[in-house]
Amino acid sequence: MGKTVIFCDFDGTITESDNIISLMKEFAPPEWEAIKDGILSRDISIQEGVAKLFALIPSSRKEELLDFLQETVSFREGFKEFISYTKAQHIPLYIVSGGMDFFVYPLLEEYGPFDGIYCNETNFEGDAIKVNWPHPCDEECENRGCGCCKPSIIRSMNLSSDQDIVVIGDSVTDVEMTRYANMVIARDYLSEKCRQDSIPHETFETFYDCITILKKGGSE
């Protein structure tokens, strides 16, 4: 590995569960499940689907949503030690999340600062929650409608050729990042997708695993 830079997903990767799914299970009407299935099958774009999900919830419940996550969210074991390791090794760590600013920033506050946090924005001024997209797809994105387009974020940084990109993730929103990765550390959906597409990767359950993989220096 050369000069390493890490792009790490948040929901289901840093946290044990997907926070958007947790919120929908608790606060949304039953029709949220059909929207979720459409996102996973790629029948609808992530951006369209996530916007529809949050539109199901009244803006007046903002504090309830955040309180619920703060009381129930569980961070994956070893995350604090992982941050300490990256700082000690002077490895830039960027959080790239398809989640929402109203919960990503508060939940990560005690662990920061990070080299950067990229996520979607929420507007609670109307009757229902509206999602804004500050990190849209660039002209090179083949998918369109990613919402928070993680490969576009990587491209926008114009990283030097001697930097090795490490991608850590778990879901459909992380798949396109693997195209730019020198090392993929994956679990759940992303791990299965890497196997299907013959993408070299390492699997993990805890961030202690991620530390071990980084020390080892790459995929087998």
C-alpha atoms as a PDB file:
ATOM      1  CA  MET A   1       0.000   0.000   0.000  1.00  0.00           C
ATOM      2  CA  GLY A   2       1.152   3.544  -0.724  1.00  0.00           C
ATOM      3  CA  LYS A   3      -0.267   6.713   0.807  1.00  0.00           C
ATOM      4  CA  THR A   4      -3.611   5.480   2.075  1.00  0.00           C
ATOM      5  CA  VAL A   5      -6.886   7.420   2.133  1.00  0.00           C
ATOM      6  CA  ILE A   6     -10.068   5.844   3.485  1.00  0.00           C
ATOM      7  CA  PHE A   7     -13.670   6.379   2.379  1.00  0.00           C
ATOM      8  CA  CYS A   8     -16.022   4.783   4.885  1.00  0.00           C
ATOM      9  CA  ASP A   9     -19.785   4.372   4.754  1.00  0.00           C
ATOM     10  CA  PHE A  10     -21.860   5.185   7.845  1.00  0.00           C
ATOM     11  CA  ASP A  11     -25.213   3.364   8.019  1.00  0.00           C
ATOM     12  CA  GLY A  12     -24.763  -0.366   8.508  1.00  0.00           C
ATOM     13  CA  THR A  13     -20.982   0.025   8.398  1.00  0.00           C
ATOM     14  CA  ILE A  14     -20.004   2.321  11.253  1.00  0.00           C
ATOM     15  CA  THR A  15     -23.343   1.632  12.901  1.00  0.00           C
ATOM     16  CA  GLU A  16     -24.640  -1.910  13.385  1.00  0.00           C
ATOM     17  CA  SER A  17     -27.861  -1.203  11.514  1.00  0.00           C
ATOM     18  CA  ASP A  18     -29.056   1.082   8.722  1.00  0.00           C
ATOM     19  CA  ASN A  19     -30.427   4.160  10.441  1.00  0.00           C
ATOM     20  CA  ILE A  20     -32.815   5.091   7.649  1.00  0.00           C
ATOM     21  CA  ILE A  21     -34.346   1.605   7.779  1.00  0.00           C
ATOM     22  CA  SER A  22     -34.578   1.842  11.570  1.00  0.00           C
ATOM     23  CA  LEU A  23     -36.422   5.151  11.296  1.00  0.00           C
ATOM     24  CA  MET A  24     -38.812   3.818   8.683  1.00  0.00           C
ATOM     25  CA  LYS A  25     -39.642   0.738  10.760  1.00  0.00           C
ATOM     26  CA  GLU A  26     -40.448   2.943  13.734  1.00  0.00           C
ATOM     27  CA  PHE A  27     -42.109   6.005  12.189  1.00  0.00           C
ATOM     28  CA  ALA A  28     -43.240   5.380   8.603  1.00  0.00           C
ATOM     29  CA  PRO A  29     -46.524   3.858   7.377  1.00  0.00           C
ATOM     30  CA  PRO A  30     -46.401   0.352   5.845  1.00  0.00           C
ATOM     31  CA  GLU A  31     -45.909   1.555   2.256  1.00  0.00           C
ATOM     32  CA  TRP A  32     -42.257   2.335   3.039  1.00  0.00           C
ATOM     33  CA  GLU A  33     -41.353  -1.330   2.510  1.00  0.00           C
ATOM     34  CA  ALA A  34     -42.335  -1.366  -1.163  1.00  0.00           C
ATOM     35  CA  ILE A  35     -40.185   1.732  -1.731  1.00  0.00           C
ATOM     36  CA  LYS A  36     -37.245   0.082   0.035  1.00  0.00           C
ATOM     37  CA  ASP A  37     -37.619  -3.022  -2.109  1.00  0.00           C
ATOM     38  CA  GLY A  38     -37.628  -0.844  -5.234  1.00  0.00           C
ATOM     39  CA  ILE A  39     -34.346   0.756  -4.188  1.00  0.00           C
ATOM     40  CA  LEU A  40     -32.647  -2.568  -3.500  1.00  0.00           C
ATOM     41  CA  SER A  41     -33.829  -4.042  -6.807  1.00  0.00           C
ATOM     42  CA  ARG A  42     -32.707  -0.828  -8.545  1.00  0.00           C
ATOM     43  CA  ASP A  43     -36.170  -0.372 -10.043  1.00  0.00           C
ATOM     44  CA  ILE A  44     -36.035   3.170  -8.688  1.00  0.00           C
ATOM     45  CA  SER A  45     -32.983   5.311  -8.040  1.00  0.00           C
ATOM     46  CA  ILE A  46     -31.596   5.752  -4.558  1.00  0.00           C
ATOM     47  CA  GLN A  47     -32.343   9.470  -4.738  1.00  0.00           C
ATOM     48  CA  GLU A  48     -35.967   8.978  -5.763  1.00  0.00           C
ATOM     49  CA  GLY A  49     -36.523   6.205  -3.257  1.00  0.00           C
ATOM     50  CA  VAL A  50     -34.985   7.944  -0.260  1.00  0.00           C
ATOM     51  CA  ALA A  51     -36.920  11.134  -1.041  1.00  0.00           C
ATOM     52  CA  LYS A  52     -40.142   9.104  -1.102  1.00  0.00           C
ATOM     53  CA  LEU A  53     -39.274   7.402   2.177  1.00  0.00           C
ATOM     54  CA  PHE A  54     -38.736  10.613   4.106  1.00  0.00           C
ATOM     55  CA  ALA A  55     -41.774  12.250   2.514  1.00  0.00           C
ATOM     56  CA  LEU A  56     -43.830   9.675   4.436  1.00  0.00           C
ATOM     57  CA  ILE A  57     -42.844  11.222   7.790  1.00  0.00           C
ATOM     58  CA  PRO A  58     -44.175  14.564   9.115  1.00  0.00           C
ATOM     59  CA  SER A  59     -41.534  17.251   9.739  1.00  0.00           C
ATOM     60  CA  SER A  60     -42.976  17.797  13.207  1.00  0.00           C
ATOM     61  CA  ARG A  61     -41.395  14.514  14.323  1.00  0.00           C
ATOM     62  CA  LYS A  62     -37.784  15.659  13.816  1.00  0.00           C
ATOM     63  CA  GLU A  63     -36.844  15.587  17.499  1.00  0.00           C
ATOM     64  CA  GLU A  64     -38.527  12.203  17.951  1.00  0.00           C
ATOM     65  CA  LEU A  65     -36.480  10.783  15.094  1.00  0.00           C
ATOM     66  CA  LEU A  66     -33.178  12.005  16.490  1.00  0.00           C
ATOM     67  CA  ASP A  67     -34.027  11.009  20.058  1.00  0.00           C
ATOM     68  CA  PHE A  68     -34.928   7.521  18.871  1.00  0.00           C
ATOM     69  CA  LEU A  69     -31.593   7.047  17.097  1.00  0.00           C
ATOM     70  CA  GLN A  70     -29.553   8.482  19.934  1.00  0.00           C
ATOM     71  CA  GLU A  71     -31.218   6.011  22.287  1.00  0.00           C
ATOM     72  CA  THR A  72     -31.022   2.948  20.029  1.00  0.00           C
ATOM     73  CA  VAL A  73     -28.058   3.267  17.649  1.00  0.00           C
ATOM     74  CA  SER A  74     -25.166   0.898  18.207  1.00  0.00           C
ATOM     75  CA  PHE A  75     -21.716   1.639  16.825  1.00  0.00           C
ATOM     76  CA  ARG A  76     -19.765  -1.279  15.424  1.00  0.00           C
ATOM     77  CA  GLU A  77     -17.181  -2.666  17.816  1.00  0.00           C
ATOM     78  CA  GLY A  78     -13.722  -1.176  17.486  1.00  0.00           C
ATOM     79  CA  PHE A  79     -14.744   2.031  15.722  1.00  0.00           C
ATOM     80  CA  LYS A  80     -13.106   4.319  18.282  1.00  0.00           C
ATOM     81  CA  GLU A  81      -9.899   2.274  18.110  1.00  0.00           C
ATOM     82  CA  PHE A  82     -10.055   2.375  14.316  1.00  0.00           C
ATOM     83  CA  ILE A  83     -10.157   6.165  14.400  1.00  0.00           C
ATOM     84  CA  SER A  84      -7.195   6.216  16.775  1.00  0.00           C
ATOM     85  CA  TYR A  85      -5.283   3.917  14.426  1.00  0.00           C
ATOM     86  CA  THR A  86      -5.935   6.080  11.353  1.00  0.00           C
ATOM     87  CA  LYS A  87      -4.862   9.212  13.228  1.00  0.00           C
ATOM     88  CA  ALA A  88      -1.689   7.543  14.509  1.00  0.00           C
ATOM     89  CA  GLN A  89      -0.859   6.425  10.962  1.00  0.00           C
ATOM     90  CA  HIS A  90      -1.798   9.832   9.475  1.00  0.00           C
ATOM     91  CA  ILE A  91      -4.384   8.194   7.221  1.00  0.00           C
ATOM     92  CA  PRO A  92      -7.128  10.591   6.038  1.00  0.00           C
ATOM     93  CA  LEU A  93     -10.587   9.256   6.919  1.00  0.00           C
ATOM     94  CA  TYR A  94     -13.650  10.504   5.048  1.00  0.00           C
ATOM     95  CA  ILE A  95     -17.177   9.509   6.021  1.00  0.00           C
ATOM     96  CA  VAL A  96     -19.386   9.163   2.942  1.00  0.00           C
ATOM     97  CA  SER A  97     -22.995   8.515   3.823  1.00  0.00           C
ATOM     98  CA  GLY A  98     -26.333   8.167   2.116  1.00  0.00           C
ATOM     99  CA  GLY A  99     -27.782   9.179   5.478  1.00  0.00           C
ATOM    100  CA  MET A 100     -29.105  12.545   6.607  1.00  0.00           C
ATOM    101  CA  ASP A 101     -27.320  15.453   8.212  1.00  0.00           C
ATOM    102  CA  PHE A 102     -29.799  15.720  11.091  1.00  0.00           C
ATOM    103  CA  PHE A 103     -28.577  12.396  12.498  1.00  0.00           C
ATOM    104  CA  VAL A 104     -25.152  11.755  10.911  1.00  0.00           C
ATOM    105  CA  TYR A 105     -23.456  14.792  12.472  1.00  0.00           C
ATOM    106  CA  PRO A 106     -24.892  14.409  15.999  1.00  0.00           C
ATOM    107  CA  LEU A 107     -24.174  10.678  16.122  1.00  0.00           C
ATOM    108  CA  LEU A 108     -20.578  11.152  14.949  1.00  0.00           C
ATOM    109  CA  GLU A 109     -19.844  14.232  17.047  1.00  0.00           C
ATOM    110  CA  GLU A 110     -18.055  12.459  19.895  1.00  0.00           C
ATOM    111  CA  TYR A 111     -15.804  10.568  17.464  1.00  0.00           C
ATOM    112  CA  GLY A 112     -14.561  13.490  15.352  1.00  0.00           C
ATOM    113  CA  PRO A 113     -13.144  15.515  13.894  1.00  0.00           C
ATOM    114  CA  PHE A 114     -12.845  13.693  10.584  1.00  0.00           C
ATOM    115  CA  ASP A 115     -11.119  14.792   7.398  1.00  0.00           C
ATOM    116  CA  GLY A 116     -14.573  15.190   5.904  1.00  0.00           C
ATOM    117  CA  ILE A 117     -18.194  14.107   6.306  1.00  0.00           C
ATOM    118  CA  TYR A 118     -20.379  13.868   3.217  1.00  0.00           C
ATOM    119  CA  CYS A 119     -24.100  13.178   3.543  1.00  0.00           C
ATOM    120  CA  ASN A 120     -27.508  14.358   2.406  1.00  0.00           C
ATOM    121  CA  GLU A 121     -29.384  17.329   3.854  1.00  0.00           C
ATOM    122  CA  THR A 122     -32.903  17.478   5.227  1.00  0.00           C
ATOM    123  CA  ASN A 123     -35.425  20.292   5.221  1.00  0.00           C
ATOM    124  CA  PHE A 124     -38.067  20.269   7.950  1.00  0.00           C
ATOM    125  CA  GLU A 125     -39.829  23.524   7.010  1.00  0.00           C
ATOM    126  CA  GLY A 126     -42.756  21.916   5.158  1.00  0.00           C
ATOM    127  CA  ASP A 127     -45.357  19.450   6.387  1.00  0.00           C
ATOM    128  CA  ALA A 128     -43.260  16.449   5.363  1.00  0.00           C
ATOM    129  CA  ILE A 129     -39.501  15.952   5.425  1.00  0.00           C
ATOM    130  CA  LYS A 130     -37.784  17.024   2.216  1.00  0.00           C
ATOM    131  CA  VAL A 131     -34.327  15.780   1.246  1.00  0.00           C
ATOM    132  CA  ASN A 132     -31.740  17.985  -0.458  1.00  0.00           C
ATOM    133  CA  TRP A 133     -28.784  16.585  -2.388  1.00  0.00           C
ATOM    134  CA  PRO A 134     -25.549  18.588  -1.960  1.00  0.00           C
ATOM    135  CA  HIS A 135     -23.383  15.815  -3.458  1.00  0.00           C
ATOM    136  CA  PRO A 136     -25.105  14.892  -6.738  1.00  0.00           C
ATOM    137  CA  CYS A 137     -23.867  12.713  -9.578  1.00  0.00           C
ATOM    138  CA  ASP A 138     -21.244  14.303 -11.812  1.00  0.00           C
ATOM    139  CA  GLU A 139     -21.118  13.899 -15.587  1.00  0.00           C
ATOM    140  CA  GLU A 140     -19.101  10.668 -15.283  1.00  0.00           C
ATOM    141  CA  CYS A 141     -21.660   8.853 -13.154  1.00  0.00           C
ATOM    142  CA  GLU A 142     -23.365   6.089 -15.121  1.00  0.00           C
ATOM    143  CA  ASN A 143     -26.174   5.505 -12.636  1.00  0.00           C
ATOM    144  CA  ARG A 144     -27.742   8.916 -12.086  1.00  0.00           C
ATOM    145  CA  GLY A 145     -29.920   9.497  -9.081  1.00  0.00           C
ATOM    146  CA  CYS A 146     -27.385   8.222  -6.544  1.00  0.00           C
ATOM    147  CA  GLY A 147     -28.380  10.890  -4.029  1.00  0.00           C
ATOM    148  CA  CYS A 148     -25.068  11.255  -2.243  1.00  0.00           C
ATOM    149  CA  CYS A 149     -22.899  10.096  -5.154  1.00  0.00           C
ATOM    150  CA  LYS A 150     -19.882   8.542  -3.489  1.00  0.00           C
ATOM    151  CA  PRO A 151     -17.748   7.951  -6.607  1.00  0.00           C
ATOM    152  CA  SER A 152     -18.404  11.555  -7.672  1.00  0.00           C
ATOM    153  CA  ILE A 153     -17.060  12.686  -4.294  1.00  0.00           C
ATOM    154  CA  ILE A 154     -13.910  10.630  -4.831  1.00  0.00           C
ATOM    155  CA  ARG A 155     -13.446  12.046  -8.339  1.00  0.00           C
ATOM    156  CA  SER A 156     -13.906  15.611  -7.075  1.00  0.00           C
ATOM    157  CA  MET A 157     -10.898  15.253  -4.775  1.00  0.00           C
ATOM    158  CA  ASN A 158      -8.445  14.732  -7.636  1.00  0.00           C
ATOM    159  CA  LEU A 159      -6.334  12.395  -5.541  1.00  0.00           C
ATOM    160  CA  SER A 160      -2.753  11.874  -6.642  1.00  0.00           C
ATOM    161  CA  SER A 161      -1.770   8.659  -8.386  1.00  0.00           C
ATOM    162  CA  ASP A 162       0.377   7.535  -5.454  1.00  0.00           C
ATOM    163  CA  GLN A 163      -2.593   7.452  -3.076  1.00  0.00           C
ATOM    164  CA  ASP A 164      -4.222   4.100  -2.379  1.00  0.00           C
ATOM    165  CA  ILE A 165      -7.970   4.323  -1.903  1.00  0.00           C
ATOM    166  CA  VAL A 166      -9.554   2.086   0.723  1.00  0.00           C
ATOM    167  CA  VAL A 167     -13.347   1.684   0.580  1.00  0.00           C
ATOM    168  CA  ILE A 168     -15.211   0.342   3.612  1.00  0.00           C
ATOM    169  CA  GLY A 169     -18.912  -0.335   3.180  1.00  0.00           C
ATOM    170  CA  ASP A 170     -21.869  -2.659   3.279  1.00  0.00           C
ATOM    171  CA  SER A 171     -24.614  -1.679   0.858  1.00  0.00           C
ATOM    172  CA  VAL A 172     -25.859  -0.869  -2.624  1.00  0.00           C
ATOM    173  CA  THR A 173     -24.744   2.749  -2.181  1.00  0.00           C
ATOM    174  CA  ASP A 174     -21.113   1.612  -1.874  1.00  0.00           C
ATOM    175  CA  VAL A 175     -20.869  -0.581  -4.972  1.00  0.00           C
ATOM    176  CA  GLU A 176     -19.712   2.106  -7.395  1.00  0.00           C
ATOM    177  CA  MET A 177     -16.927   3.234  -5.044  1.00  0.00           C
ATOM    178  CA  THR A 178     -15.228  -0.119  -5.482  1.00  0.00           C
ATOM    179  CA  ARG A 179     -14.252   0.899  -9.035  1.00  0.00           C
ATOM    180  CA  TYR A 180     -11.780   3.371  -7.542  1.00  0.00           C
ATOM    181  CA  ALA A 181     -10.516   1.263  -4.669  1.00  0.00           C
ATOM    182  CA  ASN A 182      -7.106  -0.285  -4.245  1.00  0.00           C
ATOM    183  CA  MET A 183      -8.597  -2.155  -1.293  1.00  0.00           C
ATOM    184  CA  VAL A 184     -12.240  -3.000  -0.536  1.00  0.00           C
ATOM    185  CA  ILE A 185     -13.281  -3.963   2.986  1.00  0.00           C
ATOM    186  CA  ALA A 186     -16.864  -5.174   2.790  1.00  0.00           C
ATOM    187  CA  ARG A 187     -19.706  -6.830   4.613  1.00  0.00           C
ATOM    188  CA  ASP A 188     -23.328  -7.785   3.929  1.00  0.00           C
ATOM    189  CA  TYR A 189     -24.679  -6.734   0.484  1.00  0.00           C
ATOM    190  CA  LEU A 190     -21.387  -5.199  -0.675  1.00  0.00           C
ATOM    191  CA  SER A 191     -19.440  -8.343   0.166  1.00  0.00           C
ATOM    192  CA  GLU A 192     -21.909 -10.497  -1.760  1.00  0.00           C
ATOM    193  CA  LYS A 193     -21.769  -8.125  -4.736  1.00  0.00           C
ATOM    194  CA  CYS A 194     -17.970  -8.230  -4.718  1.00  0.00           C
ATOM    195  CA  ARG A 195     -18.096 -12.033  -4.787  1.00  0.00           C
ATOM    196  CA  GLN A 196     -20.582 -12.022  -7.662  1.00  0.00           C
ATOM    197  CA  ASP A 197     -18.504  -9.572  -9.693  1.00  0.00           C
ATOM    198  CA  SER A 198     -15.107 -11.096  -8.780  1.00  0.00           C
ATOM    199  CA  ILE A 199     -13.963  -7.883  -7.076  1.00  0.00           C
ATOM    200  CA  PRO A 200     -11.018  -8.538  -4.717  1.00  0.00           C
ATOM    201  CA  HIS A 201     -12.065  -7.682  -1.187  1.00  0.00           C
ATOM    202  CA  GLU A 202     -11.688  -8.487   2.478  1.00  0.00           C
ATOM    203  CA  THR A 203     -14.674  -9.063   4.758  1.00  0.00           C
ATOM    204  CA  PHE A 204     -15.169  -7.625   8.226  1.00  0.00           C
ATOM    205  CA  GLU A 205     -17.518  -7.749  11.175  1.00  0.00           C
ATOM    206  CA  THR A 206     -15.785  -5.294  13.509  1.00  0.00           C
ATOM    207  CA  PHE A 207     -13.426  -2.388  13.053  1.00  0.00           C
ATOM    208  CA  TYR A 208     -10.771  -4.436  14.782  1.00  0.00           C
ATOM    209  CA  ASP A 209     -10.933  -6.558  11.621  1.00  0.00           C
ATOM    210  CA  CYS A 210     -10.448  -3.406   9.534  1.00  0.00           C
ATOM    211  CA  ILE A 211      -7.340  -2.475  11.528  1.00  0.00           C
ATOM    212  CA  THR A 212      -5.910  -5.960  10.977  1.00  0.00           C
ATOM    213  CA  ILE A 213      -6.636  -5.788   7.246  1.00  0.00           C
ATOM    214  CA  LEU A 214      -4.999  -2.378   6.903  1.00  0.00           C
ATOM    215  CA  LYS A 215      -1.931  -3.572   8.779  1.00  0.00           C
ATOM    216  CA  LYS A 216      -1.752  -6.624   6.508  1.00  0.00           C
ATOM    217  CA  GLY A 217      -1.884  -4.332   3.524  1.00  0.00           C
ATOM    218  CA  GLY A 218      -4.432  -5.583   1.054  1.00  0.00           C
ATOM    219  CA  SER A 219      -6.857  -8.069  -0.421  1.00  0.00           C
ATOM    220  CA  GLU A 220      -5.992 -11.623  -1.219  1.00  0.00           C
END
